[in-house]
Amino acid sequence: MRIPQALRLVAVSAGRGSVADVEAFAQAVFDGGATAVWLRERERSADELREVVTRVRAIADRRDGAVIVSGADVASCAAGAHALQLGRHEPPAREVRERVGPDVVLGLSLHDPIDARALDVVDFAILAPVFAVPGKGPALGLARFRELAGRASVPIVALGGIDATNAATVVRAGACGIGVLRGIAGSRDPRRAARELRRALEGQS
């Protein structure tokens, strides 16, 4: 996994539907220009999650993309995940790093205020919410995001309320890339949504 290139446009799965639904989503967003798919599939059984990861990895390899999986289970890496994303459901990052060793790529979900010590043992972080998202608490706003990202010792992915109208602005504020859930998974056409976001990031019309 090439950081930060793989984190340029992270399409977040909706965490529902069949294995085939997730596979189709991954195909669509990689076709549209996503550089990674973040599988937030916590409700699935271990066997089903491994199947999802294996299928999405096969698609990612054809597009030179990356697969990120929520959780601290290295079985996801054995199935093909490039990175594990640690959230509030997982043990502390330092504890996970000691358990999985130095070679596993770890991401960390962050909110304000950030835990600077935790960043010492991960490879990247996802900071949210940049803009207002229902049920996700106060938005950081661009100024606060820029301040926090500037303090971070690892590449920062921006998440929360990001769309084609503000994606480039967030990158200029210090993000190495963006993560998008509603704007892609909630779209009727995830391929088109990913394409529009990628064009916005690349400064295309």
Protein backbone atom coordinates (compact mmCIF):
# COMPACT_ATOMS: atom_id res chain seq x y z
CA MET A 1 0.00 0.00 0.00
CA ARG A 2 1.57 3.24 -1.15
CA ILE A 3 0.83 6.00 1.33
CA PRO A 4 -0.37 8.65 0.62
CA GLN A 5 -1.21 7.83 -3.03
CA ALA A 6 -3.60 5.05 -2.04
CA LEU A 7 -5.50 7.43 0.22
CA ARG A 8 -6.33 10.04 -2.41
CA LEU A 9 -9.98 8.99 -2.75
CA VAL A 10 -11.26 6.47 -0.21
CA ALA A 11 -14.75 5.17 -0.92
CA VAL A 12 -16.42 3.95 2.28
CA SER A 13 -18.77 0.97 2.12
CA ALA A 14 -22.26 1.30 3.53
CA GLY A 15 -21.91 -1.77 5.74
CA ARG A 16 -25.01 -3.50 4.44
CA GLY A 17 -26.20 -5.67 1.60
CA SER A 18 -24.95 -8.99 0.31
CA VAL A 19 -21.36 -9.92 -0.47
CA ALA A 20 -22.24 -9.48 -4.13
CA ASP A 21 -23.56 -5.97 -3.38
CA VAL A 22 -20.24 -4.96 -1.80
CA GLU A 23 -18.34 -6.52 -4.69
CA ALA A 24 -20.43 -4.52 -7.18
CA PHE A 25 -19.88 -1.34 -5.16
CA ALA A 26 -16.12 -1.87 -5.18
CA GLN A 27 -16.11 -2.50 -8.92
CA ALA A 28 -18.09 0.67 -9.56
CA VAL A 29 -16.01 2.99 -7.39
CA PHE A 30 -12.66 1.70 -8.60
CA ASP A 31 -13.93 2.12 -12.16
CA GLY A 32 -14.86 5.69 -11.22
CA GLY A 33 -11.38 6.52 -9.92
CA ALA A 34 -11.38 5.65 -6.23
CA THR A 35 -7.92 4.74 -4.99
CA ALA A 36 -9.11 2.69 -2.02
CA VAL A 37 -12.22 1.08 -0.58
CA TRP A 38 -12.71 1.19 3.18
CA LEU A 39 -14.79 -1.79 4.26
CA ARG A 40 -16.76 -0.90 7.37
CA GLU A 41 -18.52 -4.24 7.59
CA ARG A 42 -18.67 -4.89 11.33
CA GLU A 43 -21.98 -6.75 11.26
CA ARG A 44 -20.67 -9.59 9.12
CA SER A 45 -19.42 -12.92 10.41
CA ALA A 46 -15.68 -13.54 10.28
CA ASP A 47 -16.10 -15.96 7.36
CA GLU A 48 -18.27 -13.56 5.40
CA LEU A 49 -15.89 -10.66 6.01
CA ARG A 50 -12.97 -12.72 4.72
CA GLU A 51 -14.97 -13.49 1.58
CA VAL A 52 -15.75 -9.79 1.10
CA VAL A 53 -12.11 -8.83 1.54
CA THR A 54 -10.92 -11.52 -0.88
CA ARG A 55 -13.38 -10.43 -3.57
CA VAL A 56 -12.71 -6.72 -3.19
CA ARG A 57 -8.94 -7.29 -3.18
CA ALA A 58 -9.22 -9.04 -6.56
CA ILE A 59 -10.96 -5.96 -7.96
CA ALA A 60 -8.50 -3.58 -6.29
CA ASP A 61 -5.53 -5.39 -7.81
CA ARG A 62 -6.88 -4.83 -11.31
CA ARG A 63 -7.12 -1.10 -10.60
CA ASP A 64 -3.93 -0.77 -8.54
CA GLY A 65 -6.14 0.17 -5.60
CA ALA A 66 -6.09 -0.54 -1.88
CA VAL A 67 -8.43 -2.28 0.56
CA ILE A 68 -8.83 -0.93 4.10
CA VAL A 69 -10.81 -2.90 6.68
CA SER A 70 -12.22 -1.69 9.99
CA GLY A 71 -10.97 -3.72 12.93
CA ALA A 72 -7.78 -5.07 14.44
CA ASP A 73 -7.98 -8.65 13.18
CA VAL A 74 -4.98 -9.56 11.05
CA ALA A 75 -7.12 -12.28 9.45
CA SER A 76 -8.38 -9.47 7.24
CA CYS A 77 -4.82 -8.91 6.06
CA ALA A 78 -4.42 -12.61 5.37
CA ALA A 79 -7.56 -12.40 3.22
CA GLY A 80 -6.10 -9.51 1.25
CA ALA A 81 -6.61 -6.24 3.10
CA HIS A 82 -3.81 -3.72 2.70
CA ALA A 83 -4.53 -1.92 5.99
CA LEU A 84 -6.53 -2.12 9.20
CA GLN A 85 -8.50 0.90 10.35
CA LEU A 86 -8.75 1.31 14.13
CA GLY A 87 -11.79 3.03 15.58
CA ARG A 88 -13.40 3.38 18.98
CA HIS A 89 -14.33 -0.31 18.93
CA GLU A 90 -10.70 -1.42 18.89
CA PRO A 91 -8.05 -1.54 21.62
CA PRO A 92 -5.59 1.39 21.83
CA ALA A 93 -3.38 1.79 18.78
CA ARG A 94 -0.18 1.16 20.71
CA GLU A 95 -1.54 -2.13 22.01
CA VAL A 96 -2.61 -3.21 18.54
CA ARG A 97 0.78 -2.30 17.08
CA GLU A 98 2.56 -4.40 19.69
CA ARG A 99 0.35 -7.33 18.81
CA VAL A 100 0.44 -7.15 15.01
CA GLY A 101 4.05 -6.09 14.56
CA PRO A 102 5.66 -3.41 12.41
CA ASP A 103 4.69 -4.66 8.97
CA VAL A 104 0.90 -4.32 9.19
CA VAL A 105 -0.34 -0.94 7.91
CA LEU A 106 -2.51 0.70 10.56
CA GLY A 107 -4.89 3.61 10.21
CA LEU A 108 -6.58 5.40 13.10
CA SER A 109 -9.92 7.21 13.23
CA LEU A 110 -9.49 10.59 14.92
CA HIS A 111 -11.72 13.29 16.33
CA ASP A 112 -10.99 16.58 18.05
CA PRO A 113 -8.84 16.63 20.16
CA ILE A 114 -6.40 14.24 18.53
CA ASP A 115 -4.27 11.75 20.44
CA ALA A 116 -0.75 12.67 19.36
CA ARG A 117 0.81 9.68 21.13
CA ALA A 118 -1.39 7.25 19.21
CA LEU A 119 -0.16 8.73 15.95
CA ASP A 120 3.36 7.60 16.82
CA VAL A 121 2.44 3.97 16.11
CA VAL A 122 0.11 4.22 13.09
CA ASP A 123 0.77 4.89 9.42
CA PHE A 124 -2.12 7.24 8.63
CA ALA A 125 -5.24 8.67 10.24
CA ILE A 126 -8.77 9.59 9.20
CA LEU A 127 -9.97 12.82 10.80
CA ALA A 128 -13.69 13.60 11.03
CA PRO A 129 -16.12 15.20 10.69
CA VAL A 130 -14.75 18.05 8.63
CA PHE A 131 -18.19 19.32 7.67
CA ALA A 132 -21.58 18.75 9.30
CA VAL A 133 -22.91 15.19 9.19
CA PRO A 134 -26.17 14.27 10.96
CA GLY A 135 -25.52 12.41 14.19
CA LYS A 136 -21.73 12.86 14.12
CA GLY A 137 -21.32 15.77 16.50
CA PRO A 138 -19.90 19.23 15.83
CA ALA A 139 -18.05 19.72 12.58
CA LEU A 140 -14.39 20.69 12.71
CA GLY A 141 -14.61 23.24 9.93
CA LEU A 142 -11.72 23.96 7.57
CA ALA A 143 -9.75 26.16 9.96
CA ARG A 144 -9.70 23.60 12.77
CA PHE A 145 -9.05 20.77 10.33
CA ARG A 146 -6.06 22.64 8.94
CA GLU A 147 -4.73 23.21 12.44
CA LEU A 148 -5.06 19.57 13.51
CA ALA A 149 -3.75 18.15 10.25
CA GLY A 150 -0.76 20.46 10.50
CA ARG A 151 0.14 18.99 13.89
CA ALA A 152 -0.14 15.38 12.78
CA SER A 153 2.96 13.26 12.20
CA VAL A 154 1.23 10.98 9.65
CA PRO A 155 -0.82 11.54 6.47
CA ILE A 156 -4.37 12.64 7.26
CA VAL A 157 -7.49 11.66 5.32
CA ALA A 158 -10.45 14.04 5.67
CA LEU A 159 -13.90 12.55 6.23
CA GLY A 160 -17.36 13.97 6.78
CA GLY A 161 -19.60 16.02 4.52
CA ILE A 162 -17.15 16.06 1.63
CA ASP A 163 -18.38 16.28 -1.94
CA ALA A 164 -17.17 17.46 -5.32
CA THR A 165 -17.70 21.13 -4.37
CA ASN A 166 -15.33 21.11 -1.39
CA ALA A 167 -12.97 18.16 -1.97
CA ALA A 168 -10.11 20.19 -3.40
CA THR A 169 -10.45 22.78 -0.63
CA VAL A 170 -10.00 20.09 2.02
CA VAL A 171 -6.85 18.83 0.33
CA ARG A 172 -5.49 22.36 0.21
CA ALA A 173 -6.14 22.52 3.96
CA GLY A 174 -3.71 19.68 4.57
CA ALA A 175 -5.46 16.38 3.77
CA CYS A 176 -3.55 13.83 1.72
CA GLY A 177 -6.92 12.62 0.48
CA ILE A 178 -10.60 12.31 1.28
CA GLY A 179 -12.93 9.61 2.55
CA VAL A 180 -16.53 9.65 1.35
CA LEU A 181 -19.46 7.54 2.55
CA ARG A 182 -22.82 9.20 1.82
CA GLY A 183 -21.66 10.98 -1.31
CA ILE A 184 -20.68 7.68 -2.95
CA ALA A 185 -22.41 4.76 -1.22
CA GLY A 186 -25.57 6.84 -0.87
CA SER A 187 -25.56 7.79 -4.54
CA ARG A 188 -27.71 6.11 -7.17
CA ASP A 189 -24.60 5.88 -9.32
CA PRO A 190 -21.48 5.25 -7.19
CA ARG A 191 -19.28 5.06 -10.29
CA ARG A 192 -20.31 8.52 -11.43
CA ALA A 193 -20.04 9.93 -7.91
CA ALA A 194 -16.49 8.60 -7.57
CA ARG A 195 -15.59 9.97 -11.00
CA GLU A 196 -16.86 13.46 -10.12
CA LEU A 197 -14.93 13.46 -6.85
CA ARG A 198 -11.75 12.31 -8.54
CA ARG A 199 -12.07 15.03 -11.15
CA ALA A 200 -12.59 17.61 -8.41
CA LEU A 201 -9.45 16.40 -6.65
CA GLU A 202 -7.44 16.57 -9.82
CA GLY A 203 -8.73 20.04 -10.68
CA GLN A 204 -10.68 18.89 -13.72
CA SER A 205 -13.90 20.43 -14.91
